[in-house]
Every structure is written in structure tokens, then in C-alpha cells.
Amino acid sequence: MKTKTIQYAGMLESYKLIYDSAKHLTTLNSGLIVVLASFSHNFLDRLAGVSLILMFVAFGCFIWSLFQATAALLIVSHSMWPEDVPSEQGARLFRLMLWAFMLFGLGIILLIVSTALSLLS
């Protein structure tokens, strides 16, 4: 009985961590999308060619990462108890968050490269 309680506490803490991570990632993605969309009129005319394509791909990465993190939030919030989530769904949750973080990082890298290319040209 005590082992099951310890396992449940560990699973509950991991789901709390996933939920908080997804929540922060959705906030960061939403903020970046709003800030980039607000200030894009200032620098969009200076972007051309590869840097413009990279900027749009970065926007796509942020939007897709936002969808991934939101899906992870929905999975976690709709499971009443962590043991209700089968291991397949737990693996899906892990993959969603992994892709969300990787897409967010890729979007940041593409944004930096796009900015550097536009400044150098």
C-alpha cells in the first residue's frame, strides 16, 4: 500500500511539472507571436529572400509549438488521476512536450539567423 502511495505521489509531481512546463511554454510562444507580429511592420520591409523565409518558418514553429503545448495541457487537465492515463497516453504526452520544446528552440534559432542575415545584407 505504501509503495502505491509513493508511486502515485511521484506520478502526481511529474504531471504537475509537465502542466507547469506546458503552461510556461504556451505563454512564451504566445508572447513571441504577439511581439513579432506587432513589430514586424518595422523590419519586414528589410527582410528579403532567405531571411524572410526563415522568419515565416520561425512563426510556424512558434505556432506549432503552441498547439503541441496546448494539446499537452488538455491531456493533463482532462485526466482526473495520473493512474487513469495509460502508459501510451503518458508516452504521447512526453512526445508532445518534447516536440513543443524542440520547435520553440528551432523557432528561436531561426529568428536569430534571420535577423543576422538581414543585418549582414
PDB file of N, CA and C in Angstrom:
ATOM      1  N   MET A   1       0.817  -1.193   0.000  1.00  0.00           N
ATOM      2  CA  MET A   1       0.000   0.000   0.000  1.00  0.00           C
ATOM      3  C   MET A   1       0.859   1.255   0.000  1.00  0.00           C
ATOM      4  N   LYS A   2       1.933   1.229   0.803  1.00  0.00           N
ATOM      5  CA  LYS A   2       2.796   2.396   0.895  1.00  0.00           C
ATOM      6  C   LYS A   2       3.539   2.628  -0.422  1.00  0.00           C
ATOM      7  N   THR A   3       3.923   1.546  -1.097  1.00  0.00           N
ATOM      8  CA  THR A   3       4.610   1.674  -2.386  1.00  0.00           C
ATOM      9  C   THR A   3       3.707   2.332  -3.417  1.00  0.00           C
ATOM     10  N   LYS A   4       2.431   1.951  -3.423  1.00  0.00           N
ATOM     11  CA  LYS A   4       1.487   2.546  -4.363  1.00  0.00           C
ATOM     12  C   LYS A   4       1.304   4.039  -4.076  1.00  0.00           C
ATOM     13  N   THR A   5       1.294   4.421  -2.817  1.00  0.00           N
ATOM     14  CA  THR A   5       1.169   5.831  -2.447  1.00  0.00           C
ATOM     15  C   THR A   5       2.386   6.616  -2.902  1.00  0.00           C
ATOM     16  N   ILE A   6       3.570   6.037  -2.764  1.00  0.00           N
ATOM     17  CA  ILE A   6       4.800   6.710  -3.212  1.00  0.00           C
ATOM     18  C   ILE A   6       4.802   6.847  -4.726  1.00  0.00           C
ATOM     19  N   GLN A   7       4.371   5.788  -5.436  1.00  0.00           N
ATOM     20  CA  GLN A   7       4.303   5.855  -6.896  1.00  0.00           C
ATOM     21  C   GLN A   7       3.302   6.920  -7.343  1.00  0.00           C
ATOM     22  N   TYR A   8       2.160   6.961  -6.675  1.00  0.00           N
ATOM     23  CA  TYR A   8       1.145   7.950  -7.016  1.00  0.00           C
ATOM     24  C   TYR A   8       1.672   9.366  -6.792  1.00  0.00           C
ATOM     25  N   ALA A   9       2.378   9.583  -5.681  1.00  0.00           N
ATOM     26  CA  ALA A   9       2.929  10.915  -5.398  1.00  0.00           C
ATOM     27  C   ALA A   9       3.945  11.311  -6.455  1.00  0.00           C
ATOM     28  N   GLY A  10       4.768  10.356  -6.891  1.00  0.00           N
ATOM     29  CA  GLY A  10       5.741  10.644  -7.945  1.00  0.00           C
ATOM     30  C   GLY A  10       5.084  10.968  -9.267  1.00  0.00           C
ATOM     31  N   MET A  11       4.040  10.201  -9.609  1.00  0.00           N
ATOM     32  CA  MET A  11       3.322  10.468 -10.853  1.00  0.00           C
ATOM     33  C   MET A  11       2.625  11.818 -10.795  1.00  0.00           C
ATOM     34  N   LEU A  12       2.051  12.134  -9.644  1.00  0.00           N
ATOM     35  CA  LEU A  12       1.368  13.411  -9.494  1.00  0.00           C
ATOM     36  C   LEU A  12       2.339  14.575  -9.649  1.00  0.00           C
ATOM     37  N   GLU A  13       3.511  14.467  -9.064  1.00  0.00           N
ATOM     38  CA  GLU A  13       4.519  15.525  -9.198  1.00  0.00           C
ATOM     39  C   GLU A  13       4.991  15.658 -10.641  1.00  0.00           C
ATOM     40  N   SER A  14       5.146  14.545 -11.348  1.00  0.00           N
ATOM     41  CA  SER A  14       5.573  14.640 -12.746  1.00  0.00           C
ATOM     42  C   SER A  14       4.504  15.299 -13.603  1.00  0.00           C
ATOM     43  N   TYR A  15       3.230  15.007 -13.330  1.00  0.00           N
ATOM     44  CA  TYR A  15       2.162  15.655 -14.083  1.00  0.00           C
ATOM     45  C   TYR A  15       2.065  17.143 -13.761  1.00  0.00           C
ATOM     46  N   LYS A  16       2.330  17.505 -12.521  1.00  0.00           N
ATOM     47  CA  LYS A  16       2.371  18.925 -12.169  1.00  0.00           C
ATOM     48  C   LYS A  16       3.494  19.628 -12.920  1.00  0.00           C
ATOM     49  N   LEU A  17       4.648  18.975 -13.011  1.00  0.00           N
ATOM     50  CA  LEU A  17       5.788  19.550 -13.729  1.00  0.00           C
ATOM     51  C   LEU A  17       5.479  19.701 -15.213  1.00  0.00           C
ATOM     52  N   ILE A  18       4.872  18.692 -15.800  1.00  0.00           N
ATOM     53  CA  ILE A  18       4.505  18.769 -17.217  1.00  0.00           C
ATOM     54  C   ILE A  18       3.494  19.881 -17.437  1.00  0.00           C
ATOM     55  N   TYR A  19       2.517  19.977 -16.558  1.00  0.00           N
ATOM     56  CA  TYR A  19       1.486  21.013 -16.700  1.00  0.00           C
ATOM     57  C   TYR A  19       2.109  22.405 -16.598  1.00  0.00           C
ATOM     58  N   ASP A  20       2.979  22.608 -15.606  1.00  0.00           N
ATOM     59  CA  ASP A  20       3.619  23.920 -15.456  1.00  0.00           C
ATOM     60  C   ASP A  20       4.522  24.240 -16.642  1.00  0.00           C
ATOM     61  N   SER A  21       5.253  23.239 -17.134  1.00  0.00           N
ATOM     62  CA  SER A  21       6.122  23.463 -18.293  1.00  0.00           C
ATOM     63  C   SER A  21       5.310  23.831 -19.525  1.00  0.00           C
ATOM     64  N   ALA A  22       4.219  23.126 -19.748  1.00  0.00           N
ATOM     65  CA  ALA A  22       3.377  23.428 -20.900  1.00  0.00           C
ATOM     66  C   ALA A  22       2.744  24.805 -20.768  1.00  0.00           C
ATOM     67  N   LYS A  23       2.368  25.153 -19.545  1.00  0.00           N
ATOM     68  CA  LYS A  23       1.768  26.471 -19.302  1.00  0.00           C
ATOM     69  C   LYS A  23       2.767  27.589 -19.608  1.00  0.00           C
ATOM     70  N   HIS A  24       3.995  27.418 -19.146  1.00  0.00           N
ATOM     71  CA  HIS A  24       5.025  28.429 -19.415  1.00  0.00           C
ATOM     72  C   HIS A  24       5.366  28.490 -20.899  1.00  0.00           C
ATOM     73  N   LEU A  25       5.399  27.334 -21.547  1.00  0.00           N
ATOM     74  CA  LEU A  25       5.721  27.308 -22.976  1.00  0.00           C
ATOM     75  C   LEU A  25       4.624  27.982 -23.801  1.00  0.00           C
ATOM     76  N   THR A  26       3.364  27.777 -23.444  1.00  0.00           N
ATOM     77  CA  THR A  26       2.295  28.468 -24.175  1.00  0.00           C
ATOM     78  C   THR A  26       2.380  29.974 -23.968  1.00  0.00           C
ATOM     79  N   THR A  27       2.756  30.392 -22.760  1.00  0.00           N
ATOM     80  CA  THR A  27       2.909  31.829 -22.501  1.00  0.00           C
ATOM     81  C   THR A  27       4.049  32.411 -23.323  1.00  0.00           C
ATOM     82  N   LEU A  28       5.184  31.719 -23.366  1.00  0.00           N
ATOM     83  CA  LEU A  28       6.321  32.206 -24.145  1.00  0.00           C
ATOM     84  C   LEU A  28       6.007  32.251 -25.629  1.00  0.00           C
ATOM     85  N   ASN A  29       5.386  31.188 -26.151  1.00  0.00           N
ATOM     86  CA  ASN A  29       5.039  31.166 -27.572  1.00  0.00           C
ATOM     87  C   ASN A  29       4.047  32.260 -27.921  1.00  0.00           C
ATOM     88  N   SER A  30       3.015  32.418 -27.106  1.00  0.00           N
ATOM     89  CA  SER A  30       2.016  33.458 -27.378  1.00  0.00           C
ATOM     90  C   SER A  30       2.653  34.843 -27.337  1.00  0.00           C
ATOM     91  N   GLY A  31       3.502  35.069 -26.342  1.00  0.00           N
ATOM     92  CA  GLY A  31       4.180  36.363 -26.235  1.00  0.00           C
ATOM     93  C   GLY A  31       5.069  36.645 -27.426  1.00  0.00           C
ATOM     94  N   LEU A  32       5.831  35.640 -27.858  1.00  0.00           N
ATOM     95  CA  LEU A  32       6.697  35.841 -29.022  1.00  0.00           C
ATOM     96  C   LEU A  32       5.895  36.123 -30.283  1.00  0.00           C
ATOM     97  N   ILE A  33       4.810  35.397 -30.465  1.00  0.00           N
ATOM     98  CA  ILE A  33       3.989  35.616 -31.658  1.00  0.00           C
ATOM     99  C   ILE A  33       3.409  37.025 -31.651  1.00  0.00           C
ATOM    100  N   VAL A  34       2.907  37.475 -30.517  1.00  0.00           N
ATOM    101  CA  VAL A  34       2.318  38.824 -30.424  1.00  0.00           C
ATOM    102  C   VAL A  34       3.383  39.896 -30.631  1.00  0.00           C
ATOM    103  N   VAL A  35       4.530  39.751 -29.979  1.00  0.00           N
ATOM    104  CA  VAL A  35       5.594  40.757 -30.112  1.00  0.00           C
ATOM    105  C   VAL A  35       6.125  40.797 -31.542  1.00  0.00           C
ATOM    106  N   LEU A  36       6.374  39.641 -32.137  1.00  0.00           N
ATOM    107  CA  LEU A  36       6.863  39.621 -33.521  1.00  0.00           C
ATOM    108  C   LEU A  36       5.831  40.179 -34.491  1.00  0.00           C
ATOM    109  N   ALA A  37       4.569  39.847 -34.274  1.00  0.00           N
ATOM    110  CA  ALA A  37       3.537  40.389 -35.159  1.00  0.00           C
ATOM    111  C   ALA A  37       3.388  41.897 -34.980  1.00  0.00           C
ATOM    112  N   SER A  38       3.562  42.378 -33.767  1.00  0.00           N
ATOM    113  CA  SER A  38       3.428  43.818 -33.517  1.00  0.00           C
ATOM    114  C   SER A  38       4.565  44.621 -34.130  1.00  0.00           C
ATOM    115  N   PHE A  39       5.760  44.095 -34.023  1.00  0.00           N
ATOM    116  CA  PHE A  39       6.923  44.838 -34.514  1.00  0.00           C
ATOM    117  C   PHE A  39       7.364  44.435 -35.913  1.00  0.00           C
ATOM    118  N   SER A  40       6.662  43.510 -36.535  1.00  0.00           N
ATOM    119  CA  SER A  40       7.099  43.052 -37.862  1.00  0.00           C
ATOM    120  C   SER A  40       6.976  44.138 -38.922  1.00  0.00           C
ATOM    121  N   HIS A  41       6.072  45.085 -38.750  1.00  0.00           N
ATOM    122  CA  HIS A  41       5.938  46.145 -39.753  1.00  0.00           C
ATOM    123  C   HIS A  41       7.181  47.033 -39.780  1.00  0.00           C
ATOM    124  N   ASN A  42       7.941  47.055 -38.684  1.00  0.00           N
ATOM    125  CA  ASN A  42       9.160  47.876 -38.646  1.00  0.00           C
ATOM    126  C   ASN A  42      10.310  47.260 -39.429  1.00  0.00           C
ATOM    127  N   PHE A  43      10.385  45.937 -39.462  1.00  0.00           N
ATOM    128  CA  PHE A  43      11.544  45.316 -40.097  1.00  0.00           C
ATOM    129  C   PHE A  43      11.195  44.377 -41.237  1.00  0.00           C
ATOM    130  N   LEU A  44       9.915  44.173 -41.526  1.00  0.00           N
ATOM    131  CA  LEU A  44       9.531  43.238 -42.576  1.00  0.00           C
ATOM    132  C   LEU A  44       9.949  43.727 -43.956  1.00  0.00           C
ATOM    133  N   ASP A  45       9.986  45.040 -44.154  1.00  0.00           N
ATOM    134  CA  ASP A  45      10.396  45.571 -45.452  1.00  0.00           C
ATOM    135  C   ASP A  45      11.894  45.380 -45.698  1.00  0.00           C
ATOM    136  N   ARG A  46      12.674  45.221 -44.629  1.00  0.00           N
ATOM    137  CA  ARG A  46      14.116  44.989 -44.783  1.00  0.00           C
ATOM    138  C   ARG A  46      14.458  43.523 -45.013  1.00  0.00           C
ATOM    139  N   LEU A  47      13.520  42.636 -44.727  1.00  0.00           N
ATOM    140  CA  LEU A  47      13.762  41.205 -44.925  1.00  0.00           C
ATOM    141  C   LEU A  47      13.490  40.838 -46.378  1.00  0.00           C
ATOM    142  N   ALA A  48      14.357  40.029 -46.923  1.00  0.00           N
ATOM    143  CA  ALA A  48      14.167  39.569 -48.294  1.00  0.00           C
ATOM    144  C   ALA A  48      14.816  38.203 -48.454  1.00  0.00           C
ATOM    145  N   GLY A  49      14.295  37.419 -49.351  1.00  0.00           N
ATOM    146  CA  GLY A  49      14.887  36.136 -49.686  1.00  0.00           C
ATOM    147  C   GLY A  49      14.863  35.142 -48.539  1.00  0.00           C
ATOM    148  N   VAL A  50      16.051  34.648 -48.241  1.00  0.00           N
ATOM    149  CA  VAL A  50      16.191  33.589 -47.246  1.00  0.00           C
ATOM    150  C   VAL A  50      15.778  34.065 -45.859  1.00  0.00           C
ATOM    151  N   SER A  51      16.138  35.286 -45.492  1.00  0.00           N
ATOM    152  CA  SER A  51      15.792  35.764 -44.155  1.00  0.00           C
ATOM    153  C   SER A  51      14.286  35.908 -43.976  1.00  0.00           C
ATOM    154  N   LEU A  52      13.568  36.270 -45.024  1.00  0.00           N
ATOM    155  CA  LEU A  52      12.106  36.364 -44.946  1.00  0.00           C
ATOM    156  C   LEU A  52      11.487  34.972 -44.791  1.00  0.00           C
ATOM    157  N   ILE A  53      12.010  34.011 -45.534  1.00  0.00           N
ATOM    158  CA  ILE A  53      11.519  32.634 -45.427  1.00  0.00           C
ATOM    159  C   ILE A  53      11.793  32.082 -44.034  1.00  0.00           C
ATOM    160  N   LEU A  54      12.987  32.340 -43.514  1.00  0.00           N
ATOM    161  CA  LEU A  54      13.327  31.872 -42.172  1.00  0.00           C
ATOM    162  C   LEU A  54      12.427  32.500 -41.112  1.00  0.00           C
ATOM    163  N   MET A  55      12.070  33.759 -41.301  1.00  0.00           N
ATOM    164  CA  MET A  55      11.181  34.432 -40.360  1.00  0.00           C
ATOM    165  C   MET A  55       9.797  33.772 -40.357  1.00  0.00           C
ATOM    166  N   PHE A  56       9.276  33.454 -41.546  1.00  0.00           N
ATOM    167  CA  PHE A  56       7.972  32.804 -41.617  1.00  0.00           C
ATOM    168  C   PHE A  56       8.010  31.382 -41.066  1.00  0.00           C
ATOM    169  N   VAL A  57       9.110  30.680 -41.288  1.00  0.00           N
ATOM    170  CA  VAL A  57       9.252  29.335 -40.718  1.00  0.00           C
ATOM    171  C   VAL A  57       9.334  29.422 -39.191  1.00  0.00           C
ATOM    172  N   ALA A  58      10.007  30.455 -38.670  1.00  0.00           N
ATOM    173  CA  ALA A  58      10.073  30.657 -37.214  1.00  0.00           C
ATOM    174  C   ALA A  58       8.673  30.900 -36.650  1.00  0.00           C
ATOM    175  N   PHE A  59       7.869  31.730 -37.335  1.00  0.00           N
ATOM    176  CA  PHE A  59       6.481  31.932 -36.911  1.00  0.00           C
ATOM    177  C   PHE A  59       5.731  30.603 -36.886  1.00  0.00           C
ATOM    178  N   GLY A  60       5.931  29.805 -37.926  1.00  0.00           N
ATOM    179  CA  GLY A  60       5.287  28.490 -37.990  1.00  0.00           C
ATOM    180  C   GLY A  60       5.714  27.587 -36.846  1.00  0.00           C
ATOM    181  N   CYS A  61       6.999  27.618 -36.505  1.00  0.00           N
ATOM    182  CA  CYS A  61       7.498  26.817 -35.384  1.00  0.00           C
ATOM    183  C   CYS A  61       6.857  27.250 -34.071  1.00  0.00           C
ATOM    184  N   PHE A  62       6.736  28.549 -33.867  1.00  0.00           N
ATOM    185  CA  PHE A  62       6.115  29.044 -32.641  1.00  0.00           C
ATOM    186  C   PHE A  62       4.644  28.646 -32.564  1.00  0.00           C
ATOM    187  N   ILE A  63       3.948  28.757 -33.686  1.00  0.00           N
ATOM    188  CA  ILE A  63       2.524  28.408 -33.702  1.00  0.00           C
ATOM    189  C   ILE A  63       2.334  26.910 -33.479  1.00  0.00           C
ATOM    190  N   TRP A  64       3.148  26.090 -34.140  1.00  0.00           N
ATOM    191  CA  TRP A  64       3.020  24.646 -33.975  1.00  0.00           C
ATOM    192  C   TRP A  64       3.413  24.217 -32.557  1.00  0.00           C
ATOM    193  N   SER A  65       4.425  24.849 -31.997  1.00  0.00           N
ATOM    194  CA  SER A  65       4.819  24.571 -30.620  1.00  0.00           C
ATOM    195  C   SER A  65       3.704  24.951 -29.658  1.00  0.00           C
ATOM    196  N   LEU A  66       3.022  26.045 -29.941  1.00  0.00           N
ATOM    197  CA  LEU A  66       1.882  26.458 -29.124  1.00  0.00           C
ATOM    198  C   LEU A  66       0.773  25.413 -29.165  1.00  0.00           C
ATOM    199  N   PHE A  67       0.499  24.863 -30.355  1.00  0.00           N
ATOM    200  CA  PHE A  67      -0.509  23.808 -30.473  1.00  0.00           C
ATOM    201  C   PHE A  67      -0.102  22.554 -29.706  1.00  0.00           C
ATOM    202  N   GLN A  68       1.175  22.185 -29.799  1.00  0.00           N
ATOM    203  CA  GLN A  68       1.662  20.993 -29.101  1.00  0.00           C
ATOM    204  C   GLN A  68       1.529  21.150 -27.582  1.00  0.00           C
ATOM    205  N   ALA A  69       1.946  22.300 -27.070  1.00  0.00           N
ATOM    206  CA  ALA A  69       1.877  22.535 -25.626  1.00  0.00           C
ATOM    207  C   ALA A  69       0.431  22.608 -25.151  1.00  0.00           C
ATOM    208  N   THR A  70      -0.441  23.184 -25.966  1.00  0.00           N
ATOM    209  CA  THR A  70      -1.857  23.241 -25.606  1.00  0.00           C
ATOM    210  C   THR A  70      -2.458  21.839 -25.571  1.00  0.00           C
ATOM    211  N   ALA A  71      -2.078  20.994 -26.518  1.00  0.00           N
ATOM    212  CA  ALA A  71      -2.563  19.609 -26.509  1.00  0.00           C
ATOM    213  C   ALA A  71      -2.084  18.882 -25.256  1.00  0.00           C
ATOM    214  N   ALA A  72      -0.842  19.121 -24.852  1.00  0.00           N
ATOM    215  CA  ALA A  72      -0.336  18.509 -23.622  1.00  0.00           C
ATOM    216  C   ALA A  72      -1.105  19.017 -22.409  1.00  0.00           C
ATOM    217  N   LEU A  73      -1.424  20.296 -22.392  1.00  0.00           N
ATOM    218  CA  LEU A  73      -2.230  20.844 -21.290  1.00  0.00           C
ATOM    219  C   LEU A  73      -3.605  20.182 -21.234  1.00  0.00           C
ATOM    220  N   LEU A  74      -4.205  19.971 -22.385  1.00  0.00           N
ATOM    221  CA  LEU A  74      -5.526  19.347 -22.415  1.00  0.00           C
ATOM    222  C   LEU A  74      -5.479  17.908 -21.925  1.00  0.00           C
ATOM    223  N   ILE A  75      -4.447  17.177 -22.309  1.00  0.00           N
ATOM    224  CA  ILE A  75      -4.319  15.785 -21.860  1.00  0.00           C
ATOM    225  C   ILE A  75      -4.162  15.725 -20.352  1.00  0.00           C
ATOM    226  N   VAL A  76      -3.278  16.563 -19.810  1.00  0.00           N
ATOM    227  CA  VAL A  76      -3.041  16.541 -18.368  1.00  0.00           C
ATOM    228  C   VAL A  76      -4.274  17.009 -17.609  1.00  0.00           C
ATOM    229  N   SER A  77      -4.922  18.051 -18.081  1.00  0.00           N
ATOM    230  CA  SER A  77      -6.052  18.600 -17.328  1.00  0.00           C
ATOM    231  C   SER A  77      -7.295  17.725 -17.416  1.00  0.00           C
ATOM    232  N   HIS A  78      -7.400  16.866 -18.425  1.00  0.00           N
ATOM    233  CA  HIS A  78      -8.580  16.019 -18.544  1.00  0.00           C
ATOM    234  C   HIS A  78      -8.407  14.658 -17.878  1.00  0.00           C
ATOM    235  N   SER A  79      -7.246  14.391 -17.319  1.00  0.00           N
ATOM    236  CA  SER A  79      -7.085  13.141 -16.577  1.00  0.00           C
ATOM    237  C   SER A  79      -7.243  13.471 -15.101  1.00  0.00           C
ATOM    238  N   MET A  80      -8.258  12.898 -14.500  1.00  0.00           N
ATOM    239  CA  MET A  80      -8.560  13.206 -13.101  1.00  0.00           C
ATOM    240  C   MET A  80      -7.449  12.725 -12.175  1.00  0.00           C
ATOM    241  N   TRP A  81      -6.955  11.548 -12.428  1.00  0.00           N
ATOM    242  CA  TRP A  81      -5.907  10.964 -11.606  1.00  0.00           C
ATOM    243  C   TRP A  81      -4.814  10.470 -12.530  1.00  0.00           C
ATOM    244  N   PRO A  82      -3.545  10.613 -12.160  1.00  0.00           N
ATOM    245  CA  PRO A  82      -2.464  10.165 -13.043  1.00  0.00           C
ATOM    246  C   PRO A  82      -2.550   8.696 -13.421  1.00  0.00           C
ATOM    247  N   GLU A  83      -3.087   7.850 -12.539  1.00  0.00           N
ATOM    248  CA  GLU A  83      -3.142   6.433 -12.922  1.00  0.00           C
ATOM    249  C   GLU A  83      -4.237   6.158 -13.940  1.00  0.00           C
ATOM    250  N   ASP A  84      -5.120   7.146 -14.185  1.00  0.00           N
ATOM    251  CA  ASP A  84      -6.132   6.994 -15.225  1.00  0.00           C
ATOM    252  C   ASP A  84      -5.530   7.087 -16.618  1.00  0.00           C
ATOM    253  N   VAL A  85      -4.349   7.674 -16.723  1.00  0.00           N
ATOM    254  CA  VAL A  85      -3.703   7.859 -18.015  1.00  0.00           C
ATOM    255  C   VAL A  85      -2.863   6.623 -18.314  1.00  0.00           C
ATOM    256  N   PRO A  86      -3.212   5.866 -19.354  1.00  0.00           N
ATOM    257  CA  PRO A  86      -2.421   4.691 -19.686  1.00  0.00           C
ATOM    258  C   PRO A  86      -1.004   5.084 -20.103  1.00  0.00           C
ATOM    259  N   SER A  87      -0.140   4.104 -20.129  1.00  0.00           N
ATOM    260  CA  SER A  87       1.255   4.389 -20.457  1.00  0.00           C
ATOM    261  C   SER A  87       1.395   4.923 -21.883  1.00  0.00           C
ATOM    262  N   GLU A  88       0.515   4.490 -22.799  1.00  0.00           N
ATOM    263  CA  GLU A  88       0.566   5.020 -24.166  1.00  0.00           C
ATOM    264  C   GLU A  88       0.293   6.521 -24.168  1.00  0.00           C
ATOM    265  N   GLN A  89      -0.682   6.922 -23.387  1.00  0.00           N
ATOM    266  CA  GLN A  89      -1.019   8.342 -23.333  1.00  0.00           C
ATOM    267  C   GLN A  89       0.079   9.131 -22.630  1.00  0.00           C
ATOM    268  N   GLY A  90       0.724   8.528 -21.635  1.00  0.00           N
ATOM    269  CA  GLY A  90       1.867   9.171 -20.992  1.00  0.00           C
ATOM    270  C   GLY A  90       3.019   9.360 -21.970  1.00  0.00           C
ATOM    271  N   ALA A  91       3.244   8.361 -22.823  1.00  0.00           N
ATOM    272  CA  ALA A  91       4.293   8.475 -23.845  1.00  0.00           C
ATOM    273  C   ALA A  91       3.927   9.548 -24.865  1.00  0.00           C
ATOM    274  N   ARG A  92       2.650   9.633 -25.227  1.00  0.00           N
ATOM    275  CA  ARG A  92       2.194  10.660 -26.159  1.00  0.00           C
ATOM    276  C   ARG A  92       2.386  12.049 -25.554  1.00  0.00           C
ATOM    277  N   LEU A  93       2.102  12.161 -24.272  1.00  0.00           N
ATOM    278  CA  LEU A  93       2.287  13.427 -23.563  1.00  0.00           C
ATOM    279  C   LEU A  93       3.752  13.841 -23.567  1.00  0.00           C
ATOM    280  N   PHE A  94       4.641  12.882 -23.326  1.00  0.00           N
ATOM    281  CA  PHE A  94       6.070  13.166 -23.356  1.00  0.00           C
ATOM    282  C   PHE A  94       6.499  13.615 -24.745  1.00  0.00           C
ATOM    283  N   ARG A  95       6.028  12.929 -25.791  1.00  0.00           N
ATOM    284  CA  ARG A  95       6.389  13.310 -27.167  1.00  0.00           C
ATOM    285  C   ARG A  95       5.861  14.690 -27.517  1.00  0.00           C
ATOM    286  N   LEU A  96       4.645  15.004 -27.099  1.00  0.00           N
ATOM    287  CA  LEU A  96       4.090  16.333 -27.369  1.00  0.00           C
ATOM    288  C   LEU A  96       4.963  17.425 -26.760  1.00  0.00           C
ATOM    289  N   MET A  97       5.349  17.245 -25.510  1.00  0.00           N
ATOM    290  CA  MET A  97       6.166  18.265 -24.849  1.00  0.00           C
ATOM    291  C   MET A  97       7.568  18.326 -25.439  1.00  0.00           C
ATOM    292  N   LEU A  98       8.121  17.168 -25.804  1.00  0.00           N
ATOM    293  CA  LEU A  98       9.444  17.160 -26.423  1.00  0.00           C
ATOM    294  C   LEU A  98       9.427  17.931 -27.741  1.00  0.00           C
ATOM    295  N   TRP A  99       8.427  17.666 -28.577  1.00  0.00           N
ATOM    296  CA  TRP A  99       8.315  18.384 -29.847  1.00  0.00           C
ATOM    297  C   TRP A  99       8.037  19.866 -29.624  1.00  0.00           C
ATOM    298  N   ALA A 100       7.231  20.177 -28.631  1.00  0.00           N
ATOM    299  CA  ALA A 100       6.922  21.591 -28.351  1.00  0.00           C
ATOM    300  C   ALA A 100       8.194  22.345 -27.982  1.00  0.00           C
ATOM    301  N   PHE A 101       9.025  21.756 -27.110  1.00  0.00           N
ATOM    302  CA  PHE A 101      10.269  22.421 -26.724  1.00  0.00           C
ATOM    303  C   PHE A 101      11.254  22.494 -27.894  1.00  0.00           C
ATOM    304  N   MET A 102      11.333  21.430 -28.691  1.00  0.00           N
ATOM    305  CA  MET A 102      12.255  21.451 -29.834  1.00  0.00           C
ATOM    306  C   MET A 102      11.825  22.480 -30.873  1.00  0.00           C
ATOM    307  N   LEU A 103      10.530  22.575 -31.144  1.00  0.00           N
ATOM    308  CA  LEU A 103      10.043  23.567 -32.103  1.00  0.00           C
ATOM    309  C   LEU A 103      10.243  24.988 -31.591  1.00  0.00           C
ATOM    310  N   PHE A 104      10.057  25.190 -30.296  1.00  0.00           N
ATOM    311  CA  PHE A 104      10.303  26.513 -29.717  1.00  0.00           C
ATOM    312  C   PHE A 104      11.782  26.888 -29.885  1.00  0.00           C
ATOM    313  N   GLY A 105      12.676  25.964 -29.571  1.00  0.00           N
ATOM    314  CA  GLY A 105      14.110  26.219 -29.737  1.00  0.00           C
ATOM    315  C   GLY A 105      14.481  26.466 -31.184  1.00  0.00           C
ATOM    316  N   LEU A 106      13.912  25.667 -32.094  1.00  0.00           N
ATOM    317  CA  LEU A 106      14.179  25.862 -33.522  1.00  0.00           C
ATOM    318  C   LEU A 106      13.676  27.223 -33.982  1.00  0.00           C
ATOM    319  N   GLY A 107      12.503  27.632 -33.495  1.00  0.00           N
ATOM    320  CA  GLY A 107      11.969  28.952 -33.857  1.00  0.00           C
ATOM    321  C   GLY A 107      12.881  30.071 -33.387  1.00  0.00           C
ATOM    322  N   ILE A 108      13.415  29.942 -32.170  1.00  0.00           N
ATOM    323  CA  ILE A 108      14.343  30.960 -31.662  1.00  0.00           C
ATOM    324  C   ILE A 108      15.611  31.002 -32.513  1.00  0.00           C
ATOM    325  N   ILE A 109      16.154  29.834 -32.844  1.00  0.00           N
ATOM    326  CA  ILE A 109      17.373  29.787 -33.665  1.00  0.00           C
ATOM    327  C   ILE A 109      17.118  30.393 -35.037  1.00  0.00           C
ATOM    328  N   LEU A 110      15.987  30.041 -35.659  1.00  0.00           N
ATOM    329  CA  LEU A 110      15.661  30.607 -36.977  1.00  0.00           C
ATOM    330  C   LEU A 110      15.457  32.111 -36.904  1.00  0.00           C
ATOM    331  N   LEU A 111      14.879  32.576 -35.829  1.00  0.00           N
ATOM    332  CA  LEU A 111      14.690  34.015 -35.653  1.00  0.00           C
ATOM    333  C   LEU A 111      16.030  34.736 -35.549  1.00  0.00           C
ATOM    334  N   ILE A 112      16.957  34.163 -34.814  1.00  0.00           N
ATOM    335  CA  ILE A 112      18.294  34.757 -34.679  1.00  0.00           C
ATOM    336  C   ILE A 112      19.029  34.741 -36.013  1.00  0.00           C
ATOM    337  N   VAL A 113      18.965  33.619 -36.720  1.00  0.00           N
ATOM    338  CA  VAL A 113      19.633  33.525 -38.018  1.00  0.00           C
ATOM    339  C   VAL A 113      19.023  34.496 -39.021  1.00  0.00           C
ATOM    340  N   SER A 114      17.694  34.595 -39.024  1.00  0.00           N
ATOM    341  CA  SER A 114      17.017  35.521 -39.928  1.00  0.00           C
ATOM    342  C   SER A 114      17.417  36.963 -39.643  1.00  0.00           C
ATOM    343  N   THR A 115      17.484  37.317 -38.375  1.00  0.00           N
ATOM    344  CA  THR A 115      17.885  38.668 -38.000  1.00  0.00           C
ATOM    345  C   THR A 115      19.342  38.929 -38.392  1.00  0.00           C
ATOM    346  N   ALA A 116      20.199  37.951 -38.150  1.00  0.00           N
ATOM    347  CA  ALA A 116      21.618  38.120 -38.506  1.00  0.00           C
ATOM    348  C   ALA A 116      21.788  38.261 -40.012  1.00  0.00           C
ATOM    349  N   LEU A 117      21.059  37.466 -40.789  1.00  0.00           N
ATOM    350  CA  LEU A 117      21.165  37.580 -42.249  1.00  0.00           C
ATOM    351  C   LEU A 117      20.661  38.923 -42.754  1.00  0.00           C
ATOM    352  N   SER A 118      19.597  39.424 -42.150  1.00  0.00           N
ATOM    353  CA  SER A 118      19.082  40.721 -42.598  1.00  0.00           C
ATOM    354  C   SER A 118      19.994  41.854 -42.200  1.00  0.00           C
ATOM    355  N   LEU A 119      20.686  41.736 -41.066  1.00  0.00           N
ATOM    356  CA  LEU A 119      21.635  42.784 -40.647  1.00  0.00           C
ATOM    357  C   LEU A 119      22.915  42.759 -41.464  1.00  0.00           C
ATOM    358  N   LEU A 120      23.325  41.574 -41.888  1.00  0.00           N
ATOM    359  CA  LEU A 120      24.570  41.463 -42.652  1.00  0.00           C
ATOM    360  C   LEU A 120      24.405  41.841 -44.115  1.00  0.00           C
ATOM    361  N   SER A 121      23.172  41.797 -44.612  1.00  0.00           N
ATOM    362  CA  SER A 121      22.988  42.113 -46.035  1.00  0.00           C
ATOM    363  C   SER A 121      22.641  43.565 -46.260  1.00  0.00           C
TER     364      SER A 121
END
